[in-house]
Full PDB file with SEQRES, HELIX, SHEET, SSBOND, CRYST1, ORIGX, SCALE, CONECT and MASTER records, all heavy atoms in Angstrom:
SEQRES   1 A   33  PRO VAL SER GLY GLY ASN THR GLU ASP ARG PRO MET LEU          
SEQRES   2 A   33  ALA TRP ILE PHE SER GLU ASP ALA TYR THR GLU ILE TYR          
SEQRES   3 A   33  HIS GLN TYR PHE SER GLN PHE                                  
HELIX    1 AA1 THR A    7  ASP A    9  5                                   3    
HELIX    2 AA2 PRO A   11  ALA A   14  1                                   4    
HELIX    3 AA3 TRP A   15  PHE A   17  5                                   3    
HELIX    4 AA4 ASP A   20  GLN A   32  1                                  13    
CRYST1    1.000    1.000    1.000  90.00  90.00  90.00 P 1           1          
ORIGX1      1.000000  0.000000  0.000000        0.00000                         
ORIGX2      0.000000  1.000000  0.000000        0.00000                         
ORIGX3      0.000000  0.000000  1.000000        0.00000                         
SCALE1      1.000000  0.000000  0.000000        0.00000                         
SCALE2      0.000000  1.000000  0.000000        0.00000                         
SCALE3      0.000000  0.000000  1.000000        0.00000                         
ATOM      1  N   PRO A   1      -0.787  -7.302   0.351  1.00  0.00           N  
ATOM      2  CA  PRO A   1       0.380  -7.901   0.990  1.00  0.00           C  
ATOM      3  C   PRO A   1       0.170  -8.505   2.366  1.00  0.00           C  
ATOM      4  O   PRO A   1       1.123  -9.006   2.971  1.00  0.00           O  
ATOM      5  CB  PRO A   1       1.348  -6.715   1.078  1.00  0.00           C  
ATOM      6  CG  PRO A   1       0.462  -5.525   1.250  1.00  0.00           C  
ATOM      7  CD  PRO A   1      -0.786  -5.835   0.467  1.00  0.00           C  
ATOM      8  N   VAL A   2      -1.057  -8.478   2.880  1.00  0.00           N  
ATOM      9  CA  VAL A   2      -1.305  -8.984   4.225  1.00  0.00           C  
ATOM     10  C   VAL A   2      -1.663 -10.463   4.176  1.00  0.00           C  
ATOM     11  O   VAL A   2      -2.488 -10.897   3.370  1.00  0.00           O  
ATOM     12  CB  VAL A   2      -2.426  -8.200   4.925  1.00  0.00           C  
ATOM     13  CG1 VAL A   2      -2.807  -8.855   6.255  1.00  0.00           C  
ATOM     14  CG2 VAL A   2      -1.978  -6.761   5.161  1.00  0.00           C  
ATOM     15  N   SER A   3      -1.035 -11.248   5.048  1.00  0.00           N  
ATOM     16  CA  SER A   3      -1.317 -12.672   5.161  1.00  0.00           C  
ATOM     17  C   SER A   3      -1.997 -12.929   6.504  1.00  0.00           C  
ATOM     18  O   SER A   3      -1.543 -12.466   7.542  1.00  0.00           O  
ATOM     19  CB  SER A   3      -0.013 -13.474   5.085  1.00  0.00           C  
ATOM     20  OG  SER A   3      -0.227 -14.836   5.345  1.00  0.00           O  
ATOM     21  N   GLY A   4      -3.094 -13.671   6.485  1.00  0.00           N  
ATOM     22  CA  GLY A   4      -3.799 -13.958   7.733  1.00  0.00           C  
ATOM     23  C   GLY A   4      -4.571 -12.761   8.244  1.00  0.00           C  
ATOM     24  O   GLY A   4      -4.658 -12.529   9.445  1.00  0.00           O  
ATOM     25  N   GLY A   5      -5.144 -12.004   7.340  1.00  0.00           N  
ATOM     26  CA  GLY A   5      -5.906 -10.821   7.707  1.00  0.00           C  
ATOM     27  C   GLY A   5      -6.193 -10.017   6.458  1.00  0.00           C  
ATOM     28  O   GLY A   5      -6.137 -10.538   5.347  1.00  0.00           O  
ATOM     29  N   ASN A   6      -6.504  -8.745   6.617  1.00  0.00           N  
ATOM     30  CA  ASN A   6      -6.743  -7.902   5.453  1.00  0.00           C  
ATOM     31  C   ASN A   6      -6.027  -6.575   5.593  1.00  0.00           C  
ATOM     32  O   ASN A   6      -5.716  -6.123   6.700  1.00  0.00           O  
ATOM     33  CB  ASN A   6      -8.246  -7.689   5.236  1.00  0.00           C  
ATOM     34  CG  ASN A   6      -8.916  -7.053   6.444  1.00  0.00           C  
ATOM     35  OD1 ASN A   6      -8.774  -5.860   6.699  1.00  0.00           O  
ATOM     36  ND2 ASN A   6      -9.651  -7.859   7.218  1.00  0.00           N  
ATOM     37  N   THR A   7      -5.752  -5.957   4.485  1.00  0.00           N  
ATOM     38  CA  THR A   7      -4.985  -4.714   4.458  1.00  0.00           C  
ATOM     39  C   THR A   7      -5.673  -3.605   5.245  1.00  0.00           C  
ATOM     40  O   THR A   7      -5.009  -2.815   5.929  1.00  0.00           O  
ATOM     41  CB  THR A   7      -4.772  -4.269   3.001  1.00  0.00           C  
ATOM     42  OG1 THR A   7      -4.089  -5.303   2.285  1.00  0.00           O  
ATOM     43  CG2 THR A   7      -3.937  -2.992   2.940  1.00  0.00           C  
ATOM     44  N   GLU A   8      -6.989  -3.543   5.174  1.00  0.00           N  
ATOM     45  CA  GLU A   8      -7.730  -2.486   5.857  1.00  0.00           C  
ATOM     46  C   GLU A   8      -7.547  -2.539   7.370  1.00  0.00           C  
ATOM     47  O   GLU A   8      -7.779  -1.552   8.070  1.00  0.00           O  
ATOM     48  CB  GLU A   8      -9.223  -2.588   5.515  1.00  0.00           C  
ATOM     49  CG  GLU A   8      -9.577  -2.288   4.067  1.00  0.00           C  
ATOM     50  CD  GLU A   8      -9.172  -3.391   3.109  1.00  0.00           C  
ATOM     51  OE1 GLU A   8      -8.975  -4.544   3.576  1.00  0.00           O  
ATOM     52  OE2 GLU A   8      -9.019  -3.120   1.907  1.00  0.00           O  
ATOM     53  N   ASP A   9      -7.131  -3.686   7.888  1.00  0.00           N  
ATOM     54  CA  ASP A   9      -6.952  -3.860   9.326  1.00  0.00           C  
ATOM     55  C   ASP A   9      -5.539  -3.484   9.786  1.00  0.00           C  
ATOM     56  O   ASP A   9      -5.199  -3.668  10.947  1.00  0.00           O  
ATOM     57  CB  ASP A   9      -7.227  -5.329   9.693  1.00  0.00           C  
ATOM     58  CG  ASP A   9      -7.613  -5.492  11.157  1.00  0.00           C  
ATOM     59  OD1 ASP A   9      -8.323  -4.605  11.679  1.00  0.00           O  
ATOM     60  OD2 ASP A   9      -7.208  -6.493  11.764  1.00  0.00           O  
ATOM     61  N   ARG A  10      -4.721  -2.956   8.857  1.00  0.00           N  
ATOM     62  CA  ARG A  10      -3.350  -2.546   9.154  1.00  0.00           C  
ATOM     63  C   ARG A  10      -3.186  -1.071   8.788  1.00  0.00           C  
ATOM     64  O   ARG A  10      -2.772  -0.731   7.679  1.00  0.00           O  
ATOM     65  CB  ARG A  10      -2.336  -3.383   8.366  1.00  0.00           C  
ATOM     66  CG  ARG A  10      -2.469  -4.896   8.497  1.00  0.00           C  
ATOM     67  CD  ARG A  10      -2.047  -5.391   9.871  1.00  0.00           C  
ATOM     68  NE  ARG A  10      -1.829  -6.826   9.865  1.00  0.00           N  
ATOM     69  CZ  ARG A  10      -2.775  -7.757   9.971  1.00  0.00           C  
ATOM     70  NH1 ARG A  10      -4.040  -7.376  10.083  1.00  0.00           N  
ATOM     71  NH2 ARG A  10      -2.476  -9.045   9.967  1.00  0.00           N  
ATOM     72  N   PRO A  11      -3.540  -0.145   9.695  1.00  0.00           N  
ATOM     73  CA  PRO A  11      -3.552   1.280   9.367  1.00  0.00           C  
ATOM     74  C   PRO A  11      -2.232   1.815   8.803  1.00  0.00           C  
ATOM     75  O   PRO A  11      -2.245   2.680   7.924  1.00  0.00           O  
ATOM     76  CB  PRO A  11      -3.865   1.945  10.717  1.00  0.00           C  
ATOM     77  CG  PRO A  11      -4.590   0.894  11.484  1.00  0.00           C  
ATOM     78  CD  PRO A  11      -3.997  -0.408  11.070  1.00  0.00           C  
ATOM     79  N   MET A  12      -1.094   1.308   9.288  1.00  0.00           N  
ATOM     80  CA  MET A  12       0.181   1.818   8.808  1.00  0.00           C  
ATOM     81  C   MET A  12       0.424   1.448   7.348  1.00  0.00           C  
ATOM     82  O   MET A  12       1.246   2.066   6.677  1.00  0.00           O  
ATOM     83  CB  MET A  12       1.322   1.295   9.690  1.00  0.00           C  
ATOM     84  CG  MET A  12       2.693   1.861   9.341  1.00  0.00           C  
ATOM     85  SD  MET A  12       2.807   3.659   9.482  1.00  0.00           S  
ATOM     86  CE  MET A  12       3.137   3.848  11.239  1.00  0.00           C  
ATOM     87  N   LEU A  13      -0.274   0.459   6.863  1.00  0.00           N  
ATOM     88  CA  LEU A  13      -0.163   0.034   5.477  1.00  0.00           C  
ATOM     89  C   LEU A  13      -1.356   0.482   4.638  1.00  0.00           C  
ATOM     90  O   LEU A  13      -1.205   0.864   3.472  1.00  0.00           O  
ATOM     91  CB  LEU A  13      -0.058  -1.495   5.422  1.00  0.00           C  
ATOM     92  CG  LEU A  13      -0.062  -2.178   4.056  1.00  0.00           C  
ATOM     93  CD1 LEU A  13       1.217  -1.832   3.291  1.00  0.00           C  
ATOM     94  CD2 LEU A  13      -0.195  -3.684   4.218  1.00  0.00           C  
ATOM     95  N   ALA A  14      -2.534   0.474   5.226  1.00  0.00           N  
ATOM     96  CA  ALA A  14      -3.778   0.712   4.485  1.00  0.00           C  
ATOM     97  C   ALA A  14      -3.800   2.066   3.785  1.00  0.00           C  
ATOM     98  O   ALA A  14      -4.359   2.192   2.681  1.00  0.00           O  
ATOM     99  CB  ALA A  14      -4.977   0.580   5.421  1.00  0.00           C  
ATOM    100  N   TRP A  15      -3.178   3.078   4.380  1.00  0.00           N  
ATOM    101  CA  TRP A  15      -3.236   4.413   3.787  1.00  0.00           C  
ATOM    102  C   TRP A  15      -2.568   4.465   2.410  1.00  0.00           C  
ATOM    103  O   TRP A  15      -2.943   5.285   1.561  1.00  0.00           O  
ATOM    104  CB  TRP A  15      -2.595   5.449   4.717  1.00  0.00           C  
ATOM    105  CG  TRP A  15      -1.111   5.298   4.899  1.00  0.00           C  
ATOM    106  CD1 TRP A  15      -0.480   4.545   5.837  1.00  0.00           C  
ATOM    107  CD2 TRP A  15      -0.081   5.889   4.108  1.00  0.00           C  
ATOM    108  NE1 TRP A  15       0.888   4.628   5.691  1.00  0.00           N  
ATOM    109  CE2 TRP A  15       1.163   5.453   4.645  1.00  0.00           C  
ATOM    110  CE3 TRP A  15      -0.070   6.751   3.013  1.00  0.00           C  
ATOM    111  CZ2 TRP A  15       2.398   5.841   4.113  1.00  0.00           C  
ATOM    112  CZ3 TRP A  15       1.156   7.153   2.475  1.00  0.00           C  
ATOM    113  CH2 TRP A  15       2.361   6.692   3.018  1.00  0.00           C  
ATOM    114  N   ILE A  16      -1.603   3.577   2.175  1.00  0.00           N  
ATOM    115  CA  ILE A  16      -0.918   3.557   0.878  1.00  0.00           C  
ATOM    116  C   ILE A  16      -1.893   3.219  -0.239  1.00  0.00           C  
ATOM    117  O   ILE A  16      -1.750   3.695  -1.370  1.00  0.00           O  
ATOM    118  CB  ILE A  16       0.246   2.538   0.903  1.00  0.00           C  
ATOM    119  CG1 ILE A  16       1.302   2.972   1.922  1.00  0.00           C  
ATOM    120  CG2 ILE A  16       0.858   2.371  -0.477  1.00  0.00           C  
ATOM    121  CD1 ILE A  16       2.439   1.975   2.094  1.00  0.00           C  
ATOM    122  N   PHE A  17      -2.907   2.408   0.097  1.00  0.00           N  
ATOM    123  CA  PHE A  17      -3.873   1.986  -0.913  1.00  0.00           C  
ATOM    124  C   PHE A  17      -5.195   2.730  -0.809  1.00  0.00           C  
ATOM    125  O   PHE A  17      -6.155   2.408  -1.510  1.00  0.00           O  
ATOM    126  CB  PHE A  17      -4.108   0.477  -0.801  1.00  0.00           C  
ATOM    127  CG  PHE A  17      -2.835  -0.325  -0.876  1.00  0.00           C  
ATOM    128  CD1 PHE A  17      -2.286  -0.891   0.268  1.00  0.00           C  
ATOM    129  CD2 PHE A  17      -2.156  -0.475  -2.072  1.00  0.00           C  
ATOM    130  CE1 PHE A  17      -1.100  -1.616   0.207  1.00  0.00           C  
ATOM    131  CE2 PHE A  17      -0.964  -1.189  -2.140  1.00  0.00           C  
ATOM    132  CZ  PHE A  17      -0.437  -1.759  -1.005  1.00  0.00           C  
ATOM    133  N   SER A  18      -5.239   3.738   0.062  1.00  0.00           N  
ATOM    134  CA  SER A  18      -6.484   4.481   0.262  1.00  0.00           C  
ATOM    135  C   SER A  18      -6.701   5.531  -0.821  1.00  0.00           C  
ATOM    136  O   SER A  18      -7.827   5.956  -1.069  1.00  0.00           O  
ATOM    137  CB  SER A  18      -6.483   5.158   1.635  1.00  0.00           C  
ATOM    138  OG  SER A  18      -5.474   6.169   1.699  1.00  0.00           O  
ATOM    139  N   GLU A  19      -5.618   5.969  -1.449  1.00  0.00           N  
ATOM    140  CA  GLU A  19      -5.700   6.963  -2.522  1.00  0.00           C  
ATOM    141  C   GLU A  19      -4.783   6.557  -3.667  1.00  0.00           C  
ATOM    142  O   GLU A  19      -3.673   6.074  -3.436  1.00  0.00           O  
ATOM    143  CB  GLU A  19      -5.309   8.353  -2.012  1.00  0.00           C  
ATOM    144  CG  GLU A  19      -6.243   8.935  -0.976  1.00  0.00           C  
ATOM    145  CD  GLU A  19      -5.856  10.359  -0.593  1.00  0.00           C  
ATOM    146  OE1 GLU A  19      -5.128  11.006  -1.383  1.00  0.00           O  
ATOM    147  OE2 GLU A  19      -6.262  10.808   0.490  1.00  0.00           O  
ATOM    148  N   ASP A  20      -5.246   6.790  -4.881  1.00  0.00           N  
ATOM    149  CA  ASP A  20      -4.447   6.414  -6.047  1.00  0.00           C  
ATOM    150  C   ASP A  20      -3.083   7.092  -6.059  1.00  0.00           C  
ATOM    151  O   ASP A  20      -2.099   6.501  -6.521  1.00  0.00           O  
ATOM    152  CB  ASP A  20      -5.197   6.761  -7.331  1.00  0.00           C  
ATOM    153  CG  ASP A  20      -6.414   5.875  -7.566  1.00  0.00           C  
ATOM    154  OD1 ASP A  20      -6.495   4.802  -6.927  1.00  0.00           O  
ATOM    155  OD2 ASP A  20      -7.282   6.256  -8.382  1.00  0.00           O  
ATOM    156  N   ALA A  21      -3.018   8.305  -5.543  1.00  0.00           N  
ATOM    157  CA  ALA A  21      -1.757   9.040  -5.567  1.00  0.00           C  
ATOM    158  C   ALA A  21      -0.687   8.346  -4.731  1.00  0.00           C  
ATOM    159  O   ALA A  21       0.475   8.246  -5.146  1.00  0.00           O  
ATOM    160  CB  ALA A  21      -1.966  10.466  -5.042  1.00  0.00           C  
ATOM    161  N   TYR A  22      -1.081   7.835  -3.569  1.00  0.00           N  
ATOM    162  CA  TYR A  22      -0.123   7.125  -2.710  1.00  0.00           C  
ATOM    163  C   TYR A  22       0.253   5.773  -3.320  1.00  0.00           C  
ATOM    164  O   TYR A  22       1.418   5.364  -3.267  1.00  0.00           O  
ATOM    165  CB  TYR A  22      -0.713   6.926  -1.316  1.00  0.00           C  
ATOM    166  CG  TYR A  22      -0.943   8.197  -0.547  1.00  0.00           C  
ATOM    167  CD1 TYR A  22      -2.161   8.436   0.088  1.00  0.00           C  
ATOM    168  CD2 TYR A  22       0.052   9.168  -0.448  1.00  0.00           C  
ATOM    169  CE1 TYR A  22      -2.381   9.606   0.794  1.00  0.00           C  
ATOM    170  CE2 TYR A  22      -0.167  10.353   0.257  1.00  0.00           C  
ATOM    171  CZ  TYR A  22      -1.381  10.563   0.872  1.00  0.00           C  
ATOM    172  OH  TYR A  22      -1.598  11.718   1.581  1.00  0.00           O  
ATOM    173  N   THR A  23      -0.734   5.090  -3.891  1.00  0.00           N  
ATOM    174  CA  THR A  23      -0.454   3.800  -4.525  1.00  0.00           C  
ATOM    175  C   THR A  23       0.501   3.980  -5.695  1.00  0.00           C  
ATOM    176  O   THR A  23       1.399   3.155  -5.911  1.00  0.00           O  
ATOM    177  CB  THR A  23      -1.749   3.135  -5.019  1.00  0.00           C  
ATOM    178  OG1 THR A  23      -2.706   3.085  -3.952  1.00  0.00           O  
ATOM    179  CG2 THR A  23      -1.493   1.724  -5.514  1.00  0.00           C  
ATOM    180  N   GLU A  24       0.347   5.068  -6.424  1.00  0.00           N  
ATOM    181  CA  GLU A  24       1.238   5.336  -7.547  1.00  0.00           C  
ATOM    182  C   GLU A  24       2.667   5.575  -7.069  1.00  0.00           C  
ATOM    183  O   GLU A  24       3.625   5.106  -7.691  1.00  0.00           O  
ATOM    184  CB  GLU A  24       0.735   6.561  -8.330  1.00  0.00           C  
ATOM    185  CG  GLU A  24       1.597   6.956  -9.507  1.00  0.00           C  
ATOM    186  CD  GLU A  24       1.748   5.864 -10.551  1.00  0.00           C  
ATOM    187  OE1 GLU A  24       0.846   5.029 -10.680  1.00  0.00           O  
ATOM    188  OE2 GLU A  24       2.795   5.858 -11.246  1.00  0.00           O  
ATOM    189  N   ILE A  25       2.826   6.290  -5.961  1.00  0.00           N  
ATOM    190  CA  ILE A  25       4.167   6.501  -5.399  1.00  0.00           C  
ATOM    191  C   ILE A  25       4.768   5.161  -4.993  1.00  0.00           C  
ATOM    192  O   ILE A  25       5.955   4.884  -5.245  1.00  0.00           O  
ATOM    193  CB  ILE A  25       4.099   7.452  -4.182  1.00  0.00           C  
ATOM    194  CG1 ILE A  25       3.651   8.841  -4.610  1.00  0.00           C  
ATOM    195  CG2 ILE A  25       5.470   7.527  -3.494  1.00  0.00           C  
ATOM    196  CD1 ILE A  25       3.384   9.784  -3.449  1.00  0.00           C  
ATOM    197  N   TYR A  26       3.967   4.327  -4.373  1.00  0.00           N  
ATOM    198  CA  TYR A  26       4.384   2.981  -3.976  1.00  0.00           C  
ATOM    199  C   TYR A  26       4.868   2.189  -5.187  1.00  0.00           C  
ATOM    200  O   TYR A  26       5.929   1.560  -5.160  1.00  0.00           O  
ATOM    201  CB  TYR A  26       3.195   2.308  -3.291  1.00  0.00           C  
ATOM    202  CG  TYR A  26       3.299   0.834  -2.970  1.00  0.00           C  
ATOM    203  CD1 TYR A  26       4.136   0.359  -1.960  1.00  0.00           C  
ATOM    204  CD2 TYR A  26       2.491  -0.088  -3.649  1.00  0.00           C  
ATOM    205  CE1 TYR A  26       4.178  -1.001  -1.646  1.00  0.00           C  
ATOM    206  CE2 TYR A  26       2.515  -1.436  -3.331  1.00  0.00           C  
ATOM    207  CZ  TYR A  26       3.369  -1.886  -2.330  1.00  0.00           C  
ATOM    208  OH  TYR A  26       3.396  -3.235  -2.014  1.00  0.00           O  
ATOM    209  N   HIS A  27       4.119   2.245  -6.270  1.00  0.00           N  
ATOM    210  CA  HIS A  27       4.502   1.543  -7.491  1.00  0.00           C  
ATOM    211  C   HIS A  27       5.769   2.146  -8.109  1.00  0.00           C  
ATOM    212  O   HIS A  27       6.613   1.411  -8.643  1.00  0.00           O  
ATOM    213  CB  HIS A  27       3.357   1.568  -8.498  1.00  0.00           C  
ATOM    214  CG  HIS A  27       2.232   0.658  -8.147  1.00  0.00           C  
ATOM    215  ND1 HIS A  27       1.045   0.610  -8.863  1.00  0.00           N  
ATOM    216  CD2 HIS A  27       2.087  -0.258  -7.150  1.00  0.00           C  
ATOM    217  CE1 HIS A  27       0.229  -0.287  -8.328  1.00  0.00           C  
ATOM    218  NE2 HIS A  27       0.843  -0.817  -7.283  1.00  0.00           N  
ATOM    219  N   GLN A  28       5.900   3.446  -8.037  1.00  0.00           N  
ATOM    220  CA  GLN A  28       7.095   4.098  -8.578  1.00  0.00           C  
ATOM    221  C   GLN A  28       8.342   3.661  -7.826  1.00  0.00           C  
ATOM    222  O   GLN A  28       9.381   3.362  -8.440  1.00  0.00           O  
ATOM    223  CB  GLN A  28       6.942   5.621  -8.506  1.00  0.00           C  
ATOM    224  CG  GLN A  28       5.950   6.193  -9.509  1.00  0.00           C  
ATOM    225  CD  GLN A  28       5.726   7.680  -9.313  1.00  0.00           C  
ATOM    226  OE1 GLN A  28       6.299   8.311  -8.418  1.00  0.00           O  
ATOM    227  NE2 GLN A  28       4.871   8.259 -10.141  1.00  0.00           N  
ATOM    228  N   TYR A  29       8.253   3.609  -6.488  1.00  0.00           N  
ATOM    229  CA  TYR A  29       9.400   3.161  -5.701  1.00  0.00           C  
ATOM    230  C   TYR A  29       9.686   1.681  -5.936  1.00  0.00           C  
ATOM    231  O   TYR A  29      10.852   1.260  -5.949  1.00  0.00           O  
ATOM    232  CB  TYR A  29       9.168   3.423  -4.214  1.00  0.00           C  
ATOM    233  CG  TYR A  29       9.439   4.849  -3.793  1.00  0.00           C  
ATOM    234  CD1 TYR A  29       8.554   5.546  -2.968  1.00  0.00           C  
ATOM    235  CD2 TYR A  29      10.597   5.506  -4.206  1.00  0.00           C  
ATOM    236  CE1 TYR A  29       8.803   6.850  -2.579  1.00  0.00           C  
ATOM    237  CE2 TYR A  29      10.854   6.808  -3.822  1.00  0.00           C  
ATOM    238  CZ  TYR A  29       9.949   7.480  -3.007  1.00  0.00           C  
ATOM    239  OH  TYR A  29      10.216   8.774  -2.616  1.00  0.00           O  
ATOM    240  N   PHE A  30       8.633   0.902  -6.116  1.00  0.00           N  
ATOM    241  CA  PHE A  30       8.821  -0.523  -6.413  1.00  0.00           C  
ATOM    242  C   PHE A  30       9.542  -0.679  -7.759  1.00  0.00           C  
ATOM    243  O   PHE A  30      10.466  -1.491  -7.910  1.00  0.00           O  
ATOM    244  CB  PHE A  30       7.479  -1.248  -6.467  1.00  0.00           C  
ATOM    245  CG  PHE A  30       7.400  -2.450  -5.550  1.00  0.00           C  
ATOM    246  CD1 PHE A  30       6.303  -2.658  -4.733  1.00  0.00           C  
ATOM    247  CD2 PHE A  30       8.432  -3.375  -5.514  1.00  0.00           C  
ATOM    248  CE1 PHE A  30       6.225  -3.759  -3.892  1.00  0.00           C  
ATOM    249  CE2 PHE A  30       8.369  -4.488  -4.677  1.00  0.00           C  
ATOM    250  CZ  PHE A  30       7.267  -4.678  -3.868  1.00  0.00           C  
ATOM    251  N   SER A  31       9.105   0.095  -8.736  1.00  0.00           N  
ATOM    252  CA  SER A  31       9.716   0.041 -10.056  1.00  0.00           C  
ATOM    253  C   SER A  31      11.180   0.456 -10.000  1.00  0.00           C  
ATOM    254  O   SER A  31      12.045  -0.159 -10.641  1.00  0.00           O  
ATOM    255  CB  SER A  31       8.946   0.962 -11.016  1.00  0.00           C  
ATOM    256  OG  SER A  31       9.393   0.820 -12.330  1.00  0.00           O  
ATOM    257  N   GLN A  32      11.473   1.491  -9.209  1.00  0.00           N  
ATOM    258  CA  GLN A  32      12.851   1.942  -9.034  1.00  0.00           C  
ATOM    259  C   GLN A  32      13.698   0.863  -8.369  1.00  0.00           C  
ATOM    260  O   GLN A  32      14.830   0.595  -8.780  1.00  0.00           O  
ATOM    261  CB  GLN A  32      12.880   3.211  -8.176  1.00  0.00           C  
ATOM    262  CG  GLN A  32      14.265   3.753  -7.901  1.00  0.00           C  
ATOM    263  CD  GLN A  32      14.246   4.955  -6.958  1.00  0.00           C  
ATOM    264  OE1 GLN A  32      13.175   5.448  -6.563  1.00  0.00           O  
ATOM    265  NE2 GLN A  32      15.411   5.433  -6.582  1.00  0.00           N  
ATOM    266  N   PHE A  33      13.150   0.216  -7.356  1.00  0.00           N  
ATOM    267  CA  PHE A  33      13.838  -0.856  -6.648  1.00  0.00           C  
ATOM    268  C   PHE A  33      14.184  -2.007  -7.596  1.00  0.00           C  
ATOM    269  O   PHE A  33      15.315  -2.499  -7.617  1.00  0.00           O  
ATOM    270  CB  PHE A  33      12.948  -1.349  -5.506  1.00  0.00           C  
ATOM    271  CG  PHE A  33      13.451  -2.567  -4.779  1.00  0.00           C  
ATOM    272  CD1 PHE A  33      14.604  -2.514  -4.015  1.00  0.00           C  
ATOM    273  CD2 PHE A  33      12.761  -3.774  -4.862  1.00  0.00           C  
ATOM    274  CE1 PHE A  33      15.067  -3.640  -3.337  1.00  0.00           C  
ATOM    275  CE2 PHE A  33      13.216  -4.903  -4.192  1.00  0.00           C  
ATOM    276  CZ  PHE A  33      14.367  -4.839  -3.434  1.00  0.00           C  
TER     277      PHE A  33                                                      
MASTER        0    0    0    4    0    0    0    6  276    1    0    3          
END                                                                             
């Protein structure tokens, strides 16, 4: 989701994609939304 840079350079966002468990929660909330 980062434009003009990379996700790894945004610590507040990068952790969501650092582990599958967090990414899955992210996808679950997206699906609910």
